[in-house]
Amino acid sequence: MGEWYLFKDLLKPESERFGSPVQKVLDPEEADFFYVPFFSSLSLIVNPARPASGSDKPLYSDEENQVALIEWLEEQVYWKRNNGRDHVIMASDPNAFYEVIDKVKYSVLLVCDFGG
């Protein structure tokens, strides 16, 4: 839920963001933090066991998406600047990013764990 709330808040026009706890800037040089909208909890719960029609390979792979995200992030100038320390990643499940946790360990990780 938190992933969607923050994402939706950032998409709103500035005129509708009155009272938002997050200040959006368009110039990355002015940013204190960078939000990474990955929706890790959704990625984690998608059923990977169902193969595509006529294929043995799963239709969706959370692991492949995690790796692809990290590969993309590692190419970005602002990720390289601080090794992701100024990037905010939400994870509504403590098991999210299990495949690449060592690659995001310096980022600001907002993790919800409901006592599981």
PDB file of N, CA and C in Angstrom:
ATOM      1  N   MET A   1       0.811  -1.185   0.000  1.00  0.00           N
ATOM      2  CA  MET A   1       0.000   0.000   0.000  1.00  0.00           C
ATOM      3  C   MET A   1       0.862   1.258   0.000  1.00  0.00           C
ATOM      4  N   GLY A   2       1.941   1.246   0.783  1.00  0.00           N
ATOM      5  CA  GLY A   2       2.804   2.414   0.860  1.00  0.00           C
ATOM      6  C   GLY A   2       3.434   2.746  -0.475  1.00  0.00           C
ATOM      7  N   GLU A   3       3.784   1.710  -1.230  1.00  0.00           N
ATOM      8  CA  GLU A   3       4.375   1.923  -2.556  1.00  0.00           C
ATOM      9  C   GLU A   3       3.414   2.706  -3.444  1.00  0.00           C
ATOM     10  N   TRP A   4       2.148   2.295  -3.420  1.00  0.00           N
ATOM     11  CA  TRP A   4       1.146   2.952  -4.258  1.00  0.00           C
ATOM     12  C   TRP A   4       0.854   4.362  -3.775  1.00  0.00           C
ATOM     13  N   TYR A   5       0.803   4.557  -2.474  1.00  0.00           N
ATOM     14  CA  TYR A   5       0.514   5.885  -1.920  1.00  0.00           C
ATOM     15  C   TYR A   5       1.584   6.879  -2.359  1.00  0.00           C
ATOM     16  N   LEU A   6       2.845   6.528  -2.176  1.00  0.00           N
ATOM     17  CA  LEU A   6       3.927   7.444  -2.535  1.00  0.00           C
ATOM     18  C   LEU A   6       3.962   7.685  -4.038  1.00  0.00           C
ATOM     19  N   PHE A   7       3.804   6.634  -4.818  1.00  0.00           N
ATOM     20  CA  PHE A   7       3.810   6.757  -6.273  1.00  0.00           C
ATOM     21  C   PHE A   7       2.683   7.685  -6.736  1.00  0.00           C
ATOM     22  N   LYS A   8       1.488   7.468  -6.216  1.00  0.00           N
ATOM     23  CA  LYS A   8       0.334   8.285  -6.589  1.00  0.00           C
ATOM     24  C   LYS A   8       0.550   9.741  -6.178  1.00  0.00           C
ATOM     25  N   ASP A   9       1.103   9.949  -5.001  1.00  0.00           N
ATOM     26  CA  ASP A   9       1.369  11.297  -4.523  1.00  0.00           C
ATOM     27  C   ASP A   9       2.350  12.021  -5.449  1.00  0.00           C
ATOM     28  N   LEU A  10       3.376  11.338  -5.882  1.00  0.00           N
ATOM     29  CA  LEU A  10       4.379  11.957  -6.756  1.00  0.00           C
ATOM     30  C   LEU A  10       3.850  12.237  -8.155  1.00  0.00           C
ATOM     31  N   LEU A  11       2.831  11.507  -8.585  1.00  0.00           N
ATOM     32  CA  LEU A  11       2.247  11.727  -9.909  1.00  0.00           C
ATOM     33  C   LEU A  11       1.276  12.909  -9.956  1.00  0.00           C
ATOM     34  N   LYS A  12       0.787  13.316  -8.807  1.00  0.00           N
ATOM     35  CA  LYS A  12      -0.179  14.418  -8.776  1.00  0.00           C
ATOM     36  C   LYS A  12       0.463  15.713  -9.259  1.00  0.00           C
ATOM     37  N   PRO A  13      -0.340  16.558  -9.925  1.00  0.00           N
ATOM     38  CA  PRO A  13       0.168  17.890 -10.277  1.00  0.00           C
ATOM     39  C   PRO A  13       0.499  18.667  -9.001  1.00  0.00           C
ATOM     40  N   GLU A  14       1.443  19.554  -9.077  1.00  0.00           N
ATOM     41  CA  GLU A  14       1.865  20.326  -7.910  1.00  0.00           C
ATOM     42  C   GLU A  14       0.692  21.025  -7.238  1.00  0.00           C
ATOM     43  N   SER A  15      -0.280  21.482  -8.024  1.00  0.00           N
ATOM     44  CA  SER A  15      -1.444  22.193  -7.474  1.00  0.00           C
ATOM     45  C   SER A  15      -2.309  21.303  -6.577  1.00  0.00           C
ATOM     46  N   GLU A  16      -2.181  19.980  -6.714  1.00  0.00           N
ATOM     47  CA  GLU A  16      -2.977  19.039  -5.916  1.00  0.00           C
ATOM     48  C   GLU A  16      -2.174  18.394  -4.793  1.00  0.00           C
ATOM     49  N   ARG A  17      -0.928  18.795  -4.628  1.00  0.00           N
ATOM     50  CA  ARG A  17      -0.063  18.140  -3.644  1.00  0.00           C
ATOM     51  C   ARG A  17       0.059  18.941  -2.357  1.00  0.00           C
ATOM     52  N   PHE A  18      -0.895  19.830  -2.062  1.00  0.00           N
ATOM     53  CA  PHE A  18      -0.860  20.632  -0.849  1.00  0.00           C
ATOM     54  C   PHE A  18      -0.839  19.719   0.377  1.00  0.00           C
ATOM     55  N   GLY A  19       0.103  19.932   1.253  1.00  0.00           N
ATOM     56  CA  GLY A  19       0.194  19.136   2.470  1.00  0.00           C
ATOM     57  C   GLY A  19       0.965  17.836   2.308  1.00  0.00           C
ATOM     58  N   SER A  20       1.477  17.560   1.111  1.00  0.00           N
ATOM     59  CA  SER A  20       2.241  16.333   0.905  1.00  0.00           C
ATOM     60  C   SER A  20       3.542  16.386   1.712  1.00  0.00           C
ATOM     61  N   PRO A  21       3.923  15.289   2.343  1.00  0.00           N
ATOM     62  CA  PRO A  21       5.184  15.276   3.091  1.00  0.00           C
ATOM     63  C   PRO A  21       6.415  15.173   2.175  1.00  0.00           C
ATOM     64  N   VAL A  22       6.181  15.011   0.892  1.00  0.00           N
ATOM     65  CA  VAL A  22       7.278  14.820  -0.059  1.00  0.00           C
ATOM     66  C   VAL A  22       7.325  16.014  -1.007  1.00  0.00           C
ATOM     67  N   GLN A  23       8.507  16.562  -1.179  1.00  0.00           N
ATOM     68  CA  GLN A  23       8.672  17.654  -2.140  1.00  0.00           C
ATOM     69  C   GLN A  23       9.275  17.084  -3.414  1.00  0.00           C
ATOM     70  N   LYS A  24       8.592  17.304  -4.514  1.00  0.00           N
ATOM     71  CA  LYS A  24       9.041  16.792  -5.811  1.00  0.00           C
ATOM     72  C   LYS A  24       9.835  17.882  -6.524  1.00  0.00           C
ATOM     73  N   VAL A  25      10.988  17.506  -7.059  1.00  0.00           N
ATOM     74  CA  VAL A  25      11.774  18.420  -7.883  1.00  0.00           C
ATOM     75  C   VAL A  25      11.990  17.765  -9.240  1.00  0.00           C
ATOM     76  N   LEU A  26      12.113  18.572 -10.267  1.00  0.00           N
ATOM     77  CA  LEU A  26      12.304  18.036 -11.614  1.00  0.00           C
ATOM     78  C   LEU A  26      13.771  18.000 -12.015  1.00  0.00           C
ATOM     79  N   ASP A  27      14.603  18.785 -11.359  1.00  0.00           N
ATOM     80  CA  ASP A  27      16.033  18.807 -11.641  1.00  0.00           C
ATOM     81  C   ASP A  27      16.733  17.834 -10.691  1.00  0.00           C
ATOM     82  N   PRO A  28      17.308  16.759 -11.202  1.00  0.00           N
ATOM     83  CA  PRO A  28      17.942  15.777 -10.307  1.00  0.00           C
ATOM     84  C   PRO A  28      19.075  16.357  -9.468  1.00  0.00           C
ATOM     85  N   GLU A  29      19.675  17.442  -9.906  1.00  0.00           N
ATOM     86  CA  GLU A  29      20.736  18.076  -9.122  1.00  0.00           C
ATOM     87  C   GLU A  29      20.183  18.686  -7.833  1.00  0.00           C
ATOM     88  N   GLU A  30      18.901  18.979  -7.802  1.00  0.00           N
ATOM     89  CA  GLU A  30      18.272  19.550  -6.615  1.00  0.00           C
ATOM     90  C   GLU A  30      17.739  18.485  -5.659  1.00  0.00           C
ATOM     91  N   ALA A  31      17.704  17.246  -6.099  1.00  0.00           N
ATOM     92  CA  ALA A  31      17.094  16.171  -5.301  1.00  0.00           C
ATOM     93  C   ALA A  31      17.978  15.753  -4.142  1.00  0.00           C
ATOM     94  N   ASP A  32      17.351  15.569  -2.991  1.00  0.00           N
ATOM     95  CA  ASP A  32      18.039  14.981  -1.837  1.00  0.00           C
ATOM     96  C   ASP A  32      17.967  13.461  -1.904  1.00  0.00           C
ATOM     97  N   PHE A  33      16.842  12.967  -2.427  1.00  0.00           N
ATOM     98  CA  PHE A  33      16.616  11.535  -2.556  1.00  0.00           C
ATOM     99  C   PHE A  33      15.950  11.238  -3.892  1.00  0.00           C
ATOM    100  N   PHE A  34      16.090   9.993  -4.336  1.00  0.00           N
ATOM    101  CA  PHE A  34      15.463   9.524  -5.563  1.00  0.00           C
ATOM    102  C   PHE A  34      14.575   8.334  -5.212  1.00  0.00           C
ATOM    103  N   TYR A  35      13.331   8.424  -5.607  1.00  0.00           N
ATOM    104  CA  TYR A  35      12.388   7.338  -5.359  1.00  0.00           C
ATOM    105  C   TYR A  35      12.478   6.329  -6.494  1.00  0.00           C
ATOM    106  N   VAL A  36      12.616   5.056  -6.145  1.00  0.00           N
ATOM    107  CA  VAL A  36      12.673   3.972  -7.123  1.00  0.00           C
ATOM    108  C   VAL A  36      11.326   3.250  -7.096  1.00  0.00           C
ATOM    109  N   PRO A  37      10.458   3.496  -8.083  1.00  0.00           N
ATOM    110  CA  PRO A  37       9.109   2.899  -8.071  1.00  0.00           C
ATOM    111  C   PRO A  37       9.091   1.490  -8.648  1.00  0.00           C
ATOM    112  N   PHE A  38       9.530   0.522  -7.876  1.00  0.00           N
ATOM    113  CA  PHE A  38       9.614  -0.856  -8.356  1.00  0.00           C
ATOM    114  C   PHE A  38       8.399  -1.699  -7.992  1.00  0.00           C
ATOM    115  N   PHE A  39       7.674  -1.363  -6.950  1.00  0.00           N
ATOM    116  CA  PHE A  39       6.522  -2.143  -6.488  1.00  0.00           C
ATOM    117  C   PHE A  39       6.943  -3.589  -6.182  1.00  0.00           C
ATOM    118  N   SER A  40       7.929  -3.694  -5.321  1.00  0.00           N
ATOM    119  CA  SER A  40       8.516  -4.993  -5.000  1.00  0.00           C
ATOM    120  C   SER A  40       7.525  -5.979  -4.403  1.00  0.00           C
ATOM    121  N   SER A  41       6.570  -5.492  -3.620  1.00  0.00           N
ATOM    122  CA  SER A  41       5.612  -6.425  -3.027  1.00  0.00           C
ATOM    123  C   SER A  41       4.732  -7.049  -4.101  1.00  0.00           C
ATOM    124  N   LEU A  42       4.333  -6.268  -5.084  1.00  0.00           N
ATOM    125  CA  LEU A  42       3.546  -6.810  -6.189  1.00  0.00           C
ATOM    126  C   LEU A  42       4.379  -7.808  -6.992  1.00  0.00           C
ATOM    127  N   SER A  43       5.623  -7.448  -7.245  1.00  0.00           N
ATOM    128  CA  SER A  43       6.513  -8.326  -8.000  1.00  0.00           C
ATOM    129  C   SER A  43       6.704  -9.659  -7.285  1.00  0.00           C
ATOM    130  N   LEU A  44       6.795  -9.595  -5.969  1.00  0.00           N
ATOM    131  CA  LEU A  44       7.029 -10.804  -5.176  1.00  0.00           C
ATOM    132  C   LEU A  44       5.849 -11.759  -5.192  1.00  0.00           C
ATOM    133  N   ILE A  45       4.624 -11.234  -5.224  1.00  0.00           N
ATOM    134  CA  ILE A  45       3.457 -12.109  -5.105  1.00  0.00           C
ATOM    135  C   ILE A  45       2.889 -12.590  -6.433  1.00  0.00           C
ATOM    136  N   VAL A  46       3.375 -12.044  -7.544  1.00  0.00           N
ATOM    137  CA  VAL A  46       2.881 -12.513  -8.841  1.00  0.00           C
ATOM    138  C   VAL A  46       3.256 -13.982  -8.983  1.00  0.00           C
ATOM    139  N   ASN A  47       2.326 -14.793  -9.449  1.00  0.00           N
ATOM    140  CA  ASN A  47       2.541 -16.240  -9.538  1.00  0.00           C
ATOM    141  C   ASN A  47       3.553 -16.588 -10.628  1.00  0.00           C
ATOM    142  N   PRO A  48       4.783 -16.959 -10.265  1.00  0.00           N
ATOM    143  CA  PRO A  48       5.794 -17.296 -11.259  1.00  0.00           C
ATOM    144  C   PRO A  48       5.700 -18.743 -11.745  1.00  0.00           C
ATOM    145  N   ALA A  49       4.819 -19.517 -11.148  1.00  0.00           N
ATOM    146  CA  ALA A  49       4.770 -20.941 -11.482  1.00  0.00           C
ATOM    147  C   ALA A  49       3.965 -21.239 -12.734  1.00  0.00           C
ATOM    148  N   ARG A  50       3.230 -20.285 -13.238  1.00  0.00           N
ATOM    149  CA  ARG A  50       2.373 -20.508 -14.393  1.00  0.00           C
ATOM    150  C   ARG A  50       3.147 -20.176 -15.664  1.00  0.00           C
ATOM    151  N   PRO A  51       3.540 -21.166 -16.470  1.00  0.00           N
ATOM    152  CA  PRO A  51       4.300 -20.880 -17.692  1.00  0.00           C
ATOM    153  C   PRO A  51       3.421 -20.256 -18.781  1.00  0.00           C
ATOM    154  N   ALA A  52       4.081 -19.524 -19.650  1.00  0.00           N
ATOM    155  CA  ALA A  52       3.372 -18.951 -20.797  1.00  0.00           C
ATOM    156  C   ALA A  52       2.896 -20.092 -21.688  1.00  0.00           C
ATOM    157  N   SER A  53       1.866 -19.856 -22.427  1.00  0.00           N
ATOM    158  CA  SER A  53       1.309 -20.869 -23.316  1.00  0.00           C
ATOM    159  C   SER A  53       2.376 -21.394 -24.269  1.00  0.00           C
ATOM    160  N   GLY A  54       2.574 -22.713 -24.281  1.00  0.00           N
ATOM    161  CA  GLY A  54       3.543 -23.345 -25.172  1.00  0.00           C
ATOM    162  C   GLY A  54       4.984 -23.194 -24.735  1.00  0.00           C
ATOM    163  N   SER A  55       5.227 -22.851 -23.468  1.00  0.00           N
ATOM    164  CA  SER A  55       6.586 -22.633 -22.980  1.00  0.00           C
ATOM    165  C   SER A  55       6.764 -23.291 -21.622  1.00  0.00           C
ATOM    166  N   ASP A  56       7.983 -23.691 -21.324  1.00  0.00           N
ATOM    167  CA  ASP A  56       8.296 -24.221 -20.004  1.00  0.00           C
ATOM    168  C   ASP A  56       8.756 -23.111 -19.061  1.00  0.00           C
ATOM    169  N   LYS A  57       9.092 -21.957 -19.618  1.00  0.00           N
ATOM    170  CA  LYS A  57       9.599 -20.836 -18.836  1.00  0.00           C
ATOM    171  C   LYS A  57       8.421 -20.091 -18.190  1.00  0.00           C
ATOM    172  N   PRO A  58       8.555 -19.714 -16.908  1.00  0.00           N
ATOM    173  CA  PRO A  58       7.489 -18.946 -16.267  1.00  0.00           C
ATOM    174  C   PRO A  58       7.187 -17.664 -17.037  1.00  0.00           C
ATOM    175  N   LEU A  59       5.930 -17.293 -17.019  1.00  0.00           N
ATOM    176  CA  LEU A  59       5.481 -16.076 -17.681  1.00  0.00           C
ATOM    177  C   LEU A  59       6.131 -14.850 -17.053  1.00  0.00           C
ATOM    178  N   TYR A  60       6.403 -14.917 -15.782  1.00  0.00           N
ATOM    179  CA  TYR A  60       6.926 -13.783 -15.032  1.00  0.00           C
ATOM    180  C   TYR A  60       7.979 -14.287 -14.067  1.00  0.00           C
ATOM    181  N   SER A  61       9.064 -13.557 -13.915  1.00  0.00           N
ATOM    182  CA  SER A  61      10.097 -13.940 -12.968  1.00  0.00           C
ATOM    183  C   SER A  61      10.468 -12.743 -12.101  1.00  0.00           C
ATOM    184  N   ASP A  62      10.131 -12.819 -10.826  1.00  0.00           N
ATOM    185  CA  ASP A  62      10.487 -11.765  -9.883  1.00  0.00           C
ATOM    186  C   ASP A  62      12.009 -11.606  -9.837  1.00  0.00           C
ATOM    187  N   GLU A  63      12.722 -12.720  -9.832  1.00  0.00           N
ATOM    188  CA  GLU A  63      14.187 -12.670  -9.778  1.00  0.00           C
ATOM    189  C   GLU A  63      14.765 -11.919 -10.974  1.00  0.00           C
ATOM    190  N   GLU A  64      14.253 -12.229 -12.177  1.00  0.00           N
ATOM    191  CA  GLU A  64      14.752 -11.551 -13.379  1.00  0.00           C
ATOM    192  C   GLU A  64      14.452 -10.059 -13.323  1.00  0.00           C
ATOM    193  N   ASN A  65      13.289  -9.692 -12.804  1.00  0.00           N
ATOM    194  CA  ASN A  65      12.947  -8.276 -12.694  1.00  0.00           C
ATOM    195  C   ASN A  65      13.812  -7.563 -11.669  1.00  0.00           C
ATOM    196  N   GLN A  66      14.129  -8.219 -10.565  1.00  0.00           N
ATOM    197  CA  GLN A  66      15.024  -7.634  -9.576  1.00  0.00           C
ATOM    198  C   GLN A  66      16.398  -7.365 -10.191  1.00  0.00           C
ATOM    199  N   VAL A  67      16.929  -8.354 -10.879  1.00  0.00           N
ATOM    200  CA  VAL A  67      18.248  -8.217 -11.509  1.00  0.00           C
ATOM    201  C   VAL A  67      18.220  -7.126 -12.574  1.00  0.00           C
ATOM    202  N   ALA A  68      17.171  -7.095 -13.386  1.00  0.00           N
ATOM    203  CA  ALA A  68      17.060  -6.069 -14.430  1.00  0.00           C
ATOM    204  C   ALA A  68      17.003  -4.670 -13.814  1.00  0.00           C
ATOM    205  N   LEU A  69      16.277  -4.523 -12.710  1.00  0.00           N
ATOM    206  CA  LEU A  69      16.213  -3.228 -12.038  1.00  0.00           C
ATOM    207  C   LEU A  69      17.604  -2.792 -11.588  1.00  0.00           C
ATOM    208  N   ILE A  70      18.331  -3.687 -10.944  1.00  0.00           N
ATOM    209  CA  ILE A  70      19.663  -3.345 -10.446  1.00  0.00           C
ATOM    210  C   ILE A  70      20.606  -3.012 -11.597  1.00  0.00           C
ATOM    211  N   GLU A  71      20.544  -3.792 -12.663  1.00  0.00           N
ATOM    212  CA  GLU A  71      21.397  -3.498 -13.826  1.00  0.00           C
ATOM    213  C   GLU A  71      21.101  -2.104 -14.362  1.00  0.00           C
ATOM    214  N   TRP A  72      19.816  -1.732 -14.425  1.00  0.00           N
ATOM    215  CA  TRP A  72      19.439  -0.408 -14.904  1.00  0.00           C
ATOM    216  C   TRP A  72      19.925   0.667 -13.937  1.00  0.00           C
ATOM    217  N   LEU A  73      19.680   0.465 -12.635  1.00  0.00           N
ATOM    218  CA  LEU A  73      20.102   1.450 -11.643  1.00  0.00           C
ATOM    219  C   LEU A  73      21.610   1.669 -11.677  1.00  0.00           C
ATOM    220  N   GLU A  74      22.368   0.597 -11.797  1.00  0.00           N
ATOM    221  CA  GLU A  74      23.828   0.706 -11.773  1.00  0.00           C
ATOM    222  C   GLU A  74      24.383   1.462 -12.980  1.00  0.00           C
ATOM    223  N   GLU A  75      23.575   1.645 -14.001  1.00  0.00           N
ATOM    224  CA  GLU A  75      23.991   2.434 -15.166  1.00  0.00           C
ATOM    225  C   GLU A  75      23.684   3.918 -14.992  1.00  0.00           C
ATOM    226  N   GLN A  76      22.893   4.269 -13.986  1.00  0.00           N
ATOM    227  CA  GLN A  76      22.441   5.648 -13.814  1.00  0.00           C
ATOM    228  C   GLN A  76      23.479   6.493 -13.078  1.00  0.00           C
ATOM    229  N   VAL A  77      23.678   7.691 -13.583  1.00  0.00           N
ATOM    230  CA  VAL A  77      24.664   8.612 -13.014  1.00  0.00           C
ATOM    231  C   VAL A  77      24.394   8.869 -11.531  1.00  0.00           C
ATOM    232  N   TYR A  78      23.127   9.086 -11.187  1.00  0.00           N
ATOM    233  CA  TYR A  78      22.817   9.448  -9.798  1.00  0.00           C
ATOM    234  C   TYR A  78      22.893   8.263  -8.850  1.00  0.00           C
ATOM    235  N   TRP A  79      22.770   7.071  -9.334  1.00  0.00           N
ATOM    236  CA  TRP A  79      22.998   5.874  -8.506  1.00  0.00           C
ATOM    237  C   TRP A  79      24.499   5.735  -8.253  1.00  0.00           C
ATOM    238  N   LYS A  80      25.284   5.901  -9.302  1.00  0.00           N
ATOM    239  CA  LYS A  80      26.740   5.760  -9.206  1.00  0.00           C
ATOM    240  C   LYS A  80      27.348   6.780  -8.252  1.00  0.00           C
ATOM    241  N   ARG A  81      26.756   7.951  -8.201  1.00  0.00           N
ATOM    242  CA  ARG A  81      27.299   9.054  -7.394  1.00  0.00           C
ATOM    243  C   ARG A  81      27.491   8.651  -5.935  1.00  0.00           C
ATOM    244  N   ASN A  82      26.515   7.919  -5.354  1.00  0.00           N
ATOM    245  CA  ASN A  82      26.581   7.528  -3.939  1.00  0.00           C
ATOM    246  C   ASN A  82      26.299   6.049  -3.731  1.00  0.00           C
ATOM    247  N   ASN A  83      26.445   5.257  -4.777  1.00  0.00           N
ATOM    248  CA  ASN A  83      26.165   3.827  -4.690  1.00  0.00           C
ATOM    249  C   ASN A  83      24.747   3.560  -4.182  1.00  0.00           C
ATOM    250  N   GLY A  84      23.815   4.432  -4.588  1.00  0.00           N
ATOM    251  CA  GLY A  84      22.415   4.241  -4.222  1.00  0.00           C
ATOM    252  C   GLY A  84      22.026   4.730  -2.846  1.00  0.00           C
ATOM    253  N   ARG A  85      22.937   5.350  -2.119  1.00  0.00           N
ATOM    254  CA  ARG A  85      22.634   5.782  -0.747  1.00  0.00           C
ATOM    255  C   ARG A  85      21.535   6.834  -0.675  1.00  0.00           C
ATOM    256  N   ASP A  86      21.306   7.539  -1.765  1.00  0.00           N
ATOM    257  CA  ASP A  86      20.277   8.578  -1.776  1.00  0.00           C
ATOM    258  C   ASP A  86      19.048   8.137  -2.577  1.00  0.00           C
ATOM    259  N   HIS A  87      18.858   6.840  -2.682  1.00  0.00           N
ATOM    260  CA  HIS A  87      17.705   6.277  -3.382  1.00  0.00           C
ATOM    261  C   HIS A  87      16.784   5.605  -2.362  1.00  0.00           C
ATOM    262  N   VAL A  88      15.493   5.879  -2.485  1.00  0.00           N
ATOM    263  CA  VAL A  88      14.489   5.331  -1.572  1.00  0.00           C
ATOM    264  C   VAL A  88      13.746   4.206  -2.280  1.00  0.00           C
ATOM    265  N   ILE A  89      13.761   3.050  -1.646  1.00  0.00           N
ATOM    266  CA  ILE A  89      13.091   1.875  -2.199  1.00  0.00           C
ATOM    267  C   ILE A  89      12.127   1.347  -1.139  1.00  0.00           C
ATOM    268  N   MET A  90      10.863   1.227  -1.522  1.00  0.00           N
ATOM    269  CA  MET A  90       9.872   0.692  -0.600  1.00  0.00           C
ATOM    270  C   MET A  90       9.719  -0.808  -0.836  1.00  0.00           C
ATOM    271  N   ALA A  91       9.562  -1.528   0.236  1.00  0.00           N
ATOM    272  CA  ALA A  91       9.338  -2.970   0.154  1.00  0.00           C
ATOM    273  C   ALA A  91       8.270  -3.329   1.177  1.00  0.00           C
ATOM    274  N   SER A  92       7.101  -3.654   0.704  1.00  0.00           N
ATOM    275  CA  SER A  92       6.005  -3.975   1.619  1.00  0.00           C
ATOM    276  C   SER A  92       6.044  -5.422   2.077  1.00  0.00           C
ATOM    277  N   ASP A  93       7.150  -6.049   1.890  1.00  0.00           N
ATOM    278  CA  ASP A  93       7.353  -7.421   2.340  1.00  0.00           C
ATOM    279  C   ASP A  93       8.832  -7.574   2.667  1.00  0.00           C
ATOM    280  N   PRO A  94       9.176  -8.150   3.805  1.00  0.00           N
ATOM    281  CA  PRO A  94      10.594  -8.277   4.164  1.00  0.00           C
ATOM    282  C   PRO A  94      11.377  -9.202   3.231  1.00  0.00           C
ATOM    283  N   ASN A  95      10.673  -9.995   2.423  1.00  0.00           N
ATOM    284  CA  ASN A  95      11.364 -10.882   1.485  1.00  0.00           C
ATOM    285  C   ASN A  95      11.604 -10.240   0.120  1.00  0.00           C
ATOM    286  N   ALA A  96      11.063  -9.051  -0.077  1.00  0.00           N
ATOM    287  CA  ALA A  96      11.270  -8.372  -1.348  1.00  0.00           C
ATOM    288  C   ALA A  96      12.764  -8.087  -1.535  1.00  0.00           C
ATOM    289  N   PHE A  97      13.204  -8.135  -2.733  1.00  0.00           N
ATOM    290  CA  PHE A  97      14.608  -7.886  -3.106  1.00  0.00           C
ATOM    291  C   PHE A  97      15.560  -8.952  -2.583  1.00  0.00           C
ATOM    292  N   TYR A  98      15.040 -10.127  -2.262  1.00  0.00           N
ATOM    293  CA  TYR A  98      15.889 -11.200  -1.736  1.00  0.00           C
ATOM    294  C   TYR A  98      17.009 -11.577  -2.699  1.00  0.00           C
ATOM    295  N   GLU A  99      16.783 -11.434  -3.979  1.00  0.00           N
ATOM    296  CA  GLU A  99      17.780 -11.829  -4.975  1.00  0.00           C
ATOM    297  C   GLU A  99      18.926 -10.818  -5.071  1.00  0.00           C
ATOM    298  N   VAL A 100      18.650  -9.561  -4.756  1.00  0.00           N
ATOM    299  CA  VAL A 100      19.637  -8.499  -4.974  1.00  0.00           C
ATOM    300  C   VAL A 100      19.871  -7.647  -3.729  1.00  0.00           C
ATOM    301  N   ILE A 101      19.559  -8.173  -2.558  1.00  0.00           N
ATOM    302  CA  ILE A 101      19.634  -7.371  -1.335  1.00  0.00           C
ATOM    303  C   ILE A 101      21.022  -6.767  -1.130  1.00  0.00           C
ATOM    304  N   ASP A 102      22.075  -7.464  -1.517  1.00  0.00           N
ATOM    305  CA  ASP A 102      23.422  -6.912  -1.362  1.00  0.00           C
ATOM    306  C   ASP A 102      23.658  -5.704  -2.251  1.00  0.00           C
ATOM    307  N   LYS A 103      22.891  -5.583  -3.317  1.00  0.00           N
ATOM    308  CA  LYS A 103      23.051  -4.464  -4.248  1.00  0.00           C
ATOM    309  C   LYS A 103      22.282  -3.223  -3.800  1.00  0.00           C
ATOM    310  N   VAL A 104      21.279  -3.393  -2.950  1.00  0.00           N
ATOM    311  CA  VAL A 104      20.475  -2.251  -2.492  1.00  0.00           C
ATOM    312  C   VAL A 104      20.688  -1.954  -1.008  1.00  0.00           C
ATOM    313  N   LYS A 105      21.628  -2.617  -0.380  1.00  0.00           N
ATOM    314  CA  LYS A 105      21.789  -2.494   1.067  1.00  0.00           C
ATOM    315  C   LYS A 105      22.180  -1.093   1.533  1.00  0.00           C
ATOM    316  N   TYR A 106      22.728  -0.266   0.651  1.00  0.00           N
ATOM    317  CA  TYR A 106      23.087   1.102   1.036  1.00  0.00           C
ATOM    318  C   TYR A 106      21.951   2.086   0.781  1.00  0.00           C
ATOM    319  N   SER A 107      20.924   1.658   0.096  1.00  0.00           N
ATOM    320  CA  SER A 107      19.782   2.523  -0.193  1.00  0.00           C
ATOM    321  C   SER A 107      18.928   2.695   1.061  1.00  0.00           C
ATOM    322  N   VAL A 108      18.043   3.670   0.998  1.00  0.00           N
ATOM    323  CA  VAL A 108      17.063   3.856   2.064  1.00  0.00           C
ATOM    324  C   VAL A 108      15.950   2.851   1.784  1.00  0.00           C
ATOM    325  N   LEU A 109      15.865   1.815   2.601  1.00  0.00           N
ATOM    326  CA  LEU A 109      14.868   0.767   2.411  1.00  0.00           C
ATOM    327  C   LEU A 109      13.726   0.972   3.401  1.00  0.00           C
ATOM    328  N   LEU A 110      12.539   1.218   2.883  1.00  0.00           N
ATOM    329  CA  LEU A 110      11.360   1.350   3.716  1.00  0.00           C
ATOM    330  C   LEU A 110      10.640   0.012   3.667  1.00  0.00           C
ATOM    331  N   VAL A 111      10.791  -0.754   4.734  1.00  0.00           N
ATOM    332  CA  VAL A 111      10.271  -2.125   4.762  1.00  0.00           C
ATOM    333  C   VAL A 111       9.146  -2.244   5.788  1.00  0.00           C
ATOM    334  N   CYS A 112       8.064  -2.848   5.370  1.00  0.00           N
ATOM    335  CA  CYS A 112       6.954  -3.155   6.270  1.00  0.00           C
ATOM    336  C   CYS A 112       6.999  -4.644   6.565  1.00  0.00           C
ATOM    337  N   ASP A 113       6.999  -5.001   7.822  1.00  0.00           N
ATOM    338  CA  ASP A 113       6.943  -6.396   8.202  1.00  0.00           C
ATOM    339  C   ASP A 113       5.792  -6.530   9.194  1.00  0.00           C
ATOM    340  N   PHE A 114       4.801  -7.280   8.794  1.00  0.00           N
ATOM    341  CA  PHE A 114       3.606  -7.402   9.615  1.00  0.00           C
ATOM    342  C   PHE A 114       3.718  -8.525  10.635  1.00  0.00           C
ATOM    343  N   GLY A 115       4.905  -8.725  11.158  1.00  0.00           N
ATOM    344  CA  GLY A 115       5.098  -9.690  12.224  1.00  0.00           C
ATOM    345  C   GLY A 115       5.255 -11.116  11.755  1.00  0.00           C
ATOM    346  N   GLY A 116       5.454 -11.300  10.450  1.00  0.00           N
ATOM    347  CA  GLY A 116       5.593 -12.645   9.896  1.00  0.00           C
ATOM    348  C   GLY A 116       6.962 -13.133  10.091  1.00  0.00           C
TER     349      GLY A 116
END
